[in-house]
Amino acid sequence: MNKQIDLTNLGGYPFTQDTLKFLQESYTVALSAIAKLCGSKSILFGCEIVALNVTAGWISYNGELLPFAGGTLGAGGIKIITNTTALIFDDASVHDVLLKKLLFWVHPKILITVS
């Protein structure tokens, strides 16, 4: 990896938001490069057709590695659902900060709701 943090030093690491950003960038850039190498709309693992269903798996989709939830095979297509989770900050403000993307197989006449 091109970015790392040496956490072996004693004395109390000065953990800040910049540290989290550094950590997140260290793997998101690398994973994005792998996703682009795999191509868009490529199955990486799973997503096998069993009877009339597609099993769960992982897909490279538009430069991202995303989990696929699986579903019943038929007309329709895939849809990206982004779930957000809000957290309460020290100043009592609330922000959507945890984001989780998932690919679903969506039929034209079926609406999917995710909690």
Protein backbone atom coordinates (compact mmCIF):
# COMPACT_ATOMS: atom_id res chain seq x y z
CA MET A 1 0.00 0.00 0.00
CA ASN A 2 1.19 3.49 -0.70
CA LYS A 3 -0.19 4.89 2.58
CA GLN A 4 0.28 3.50 6.09
CA ILE A 5 0.30 4.74 9.65
CA ASP A 6 2.88 3.43 12.11
CA LEU A 7 0.79 2.78 15.23
CA THR A 8 3.57 1.03 17.16
CA ASN A 9 4.84 4.18 18.89
CA LEU A 10 3.94 4.62 22.55
CA GLY A 11 2.69 7.83 24.10
CA GLY A 12 -0.83 8.17 22.75
CA TYR A 13 -1.36 8.58 19.03
CA PRO A 14 -3.01 11.94 18.18
CA PHE A 15 -6.13 10.43 16.57
CA THR A 16 -8.08 13.04 14.57
CA GLN A 17 -10.52 13.32 11.69
CA ASP A 18 -7.54 13.81 9.39
CA THR A 19 -6.24 10.39 10.50
CA LEU A 20 -9.55 8.79 9.55
CA LYS A 21 -9.48 10.54 6.17
CA PHE A 22 -5.92 9.30 5.59
CA LEU A 23 -6.94 5.73 6.45
CA GLN A 24 -10.06 5.82 4.26
CA GLU A 25 -8.14 7.24 1.29
CA SER A 26 -5.45 4.59 1.69
CA TYR A 27 -7.83 1.77 0.82
CA THR A 28 -10.52 3.48 -1.29
CA VAL A 29 -8.03 4.60 -3.94
CA ALA A 30 -6.47 1.13 -4.10
CA LEU A 31 -9.85 -0.63 -4.29
CA SER A 32 -11.04 1.78 -6.96
CA ALA A 33 -7.97 0.92 -9.05
CA ILE A 34 -8.76 -2.79 -8.68
CA ALA A 35 -12.40 -2.18 -9.63
CA LYS A 36 -11.33 -0.31 -12.76
CA LEU A 37 -8.96 -3.15 -13.65
CA CYS A 38 -11.87 -5.61 -13.40
CA GLY A 39 -14.03 -3.51 -15.71
CA SER A 40 -17.51 -2.17 -15.21
CA LYS A 41 -20.37 -4.59 -14.56
CA SER A 42 -18.05 -7.54 -13.93
CA ILE A 43 -18.89 -10.37 -11.54
CA LEU A 44 -16.04 -10.94 -9.10
CA PHE A 45 -17.57 -13.62 -6.91
CA GLY A 46 -20.92 -15.41 -6.56
CA CYS A 47 -23.88 -14.13 -8.60
CA GLU A 48 -24.56 -17.65 -9.84
CA ILE A 49 -27.86 -18.65 -11.39
CA VAL A 50 -29.53 -21.39 -9.34
CA ALA A 51 -32.98 -22.34 -10.62
CA LEU A 52 -34.66 -18.96 -11.14
CA ASN A 53 -32.52 -17.08 -8.60
CA VAL A 54 -29.21 -15.25 -8.65
CA THR A 55 -27.05 -15.83 -5.57
CA ALA A 56 -25.40 -13.02 -3.60
CA GLY A 57 -21.88 -11.98 -4.52
CA TRP A 58 -19.58 -9.10 -5.43
CA ILE A 59 -19.58 -6.99 -8.60
CA SER A 60 -17.28 -4.35 -10.03
CA TYR A 61 -19.72 -1.64 -11.11
CA ASN A 62 -18.78 1.80 -12.47
CA GLY A 63 -15.40 1.85 -10.73
CA GLU A 64 -16.61 0.51 -7.37
CA LEU A 65 -16.54 -2.91 -5.72
CA LEU A 66 -20.08 -3.51 -4.46
CA PRO A 67 -21.89 -6.38 -2.78
CA PHE A 68 -24.83 -7.84 -4.72
CA ALA A 69 -27.81 -8.99 -2.66
CA GLY A 70 -29.04 -11.58 -5.16
CA GLY A 71 -32.65 -12.14 -6.06
CA THR A 72 -35.11 -13.74 -8.44
CA LEU A 73 -34.03 -13.78 -12.07
CA GLY A 74 -36.32 -12.07 -14.54
CA ALA A 75 -36.95 -8.84 -16.37
CA GLY A 76 -35.51 -5.75 -14.76
CA GLY A 77 -32.02 -4.76 -13.80
CA ILE A 78 -29.70 -3.82 -10.98
CA LYS A 79 -30.17 -0.83 -8.73
CA ILE A 80 -27.76 0.67 -6.21
CA ILE A 81 -29.32 1.35 -2.81
CA THR A 82 -27.39 3.55 -0.38
CA ASN A 83 -28.30 3.15 3.28
CA THR A 84 -27.25 5.99 5.57
CA THR A 85 -26.91 5.98 9.34
CA ALA A 86 -26.90 9.20 11.33
CA LEU A 87 -24.67 9.69 14.34
CA ILE A 88 -24.87 12.26 17.13
CA PHE A 89 -21.71 14.36 17.33
CA ASP A 90 -20.13 15.82 20.46
CA ASP A 91 -21.77 19.19 19.74
CA ALA A 92 -25.22 17.45 19.63
CA SER A 93 -25.54 17.89 15.86
CA VAL A 94 -26.71 14.89 13.83
CA HIS A 95 -25.13 13.93 10.52
CA ASP A 96 -25.55 11.03 8.08
CA VAL A 97 -22.01 9.70 8.16
CA LEU A 98 -22.17 5.92 7.75
CA LEU A 99 -22.94 5.02 4.13
CA LYS A 100 -23.46 1.47 2.88
CA LYS A 101 -24.07 0.68 -0.79
CA LEU A 102 -25.68 -2.53 -2.00
CA LEU A 103 -26.74 -3.74 -5.44
CA PHE A 104 -30.20 -5.28 -5.79
CA TRP A 105 -31.93 -6.98 -8.69
CA VAL A 106 -35.05 -4.89 -9.25
CA HIS A 107 -38.06 -6.01 -11.25
CA PRO A 108 -39.90 -3.29 -13.18
CA LYS A 109 -43.09 -3.60 -11.08
CA ILE A 110 -41.58 -4.28 -7.66
CA LEU A 111 -40.50 -1.52 -5.29
CA ILE A 112 -37.71 -2.40 -2.85
CA THR A 113 -37.51 -0.70 0.51
CA VAL A 114 -34.45 -1.14 2.66
CA SER A 115 -34.26 -0.35 6.34
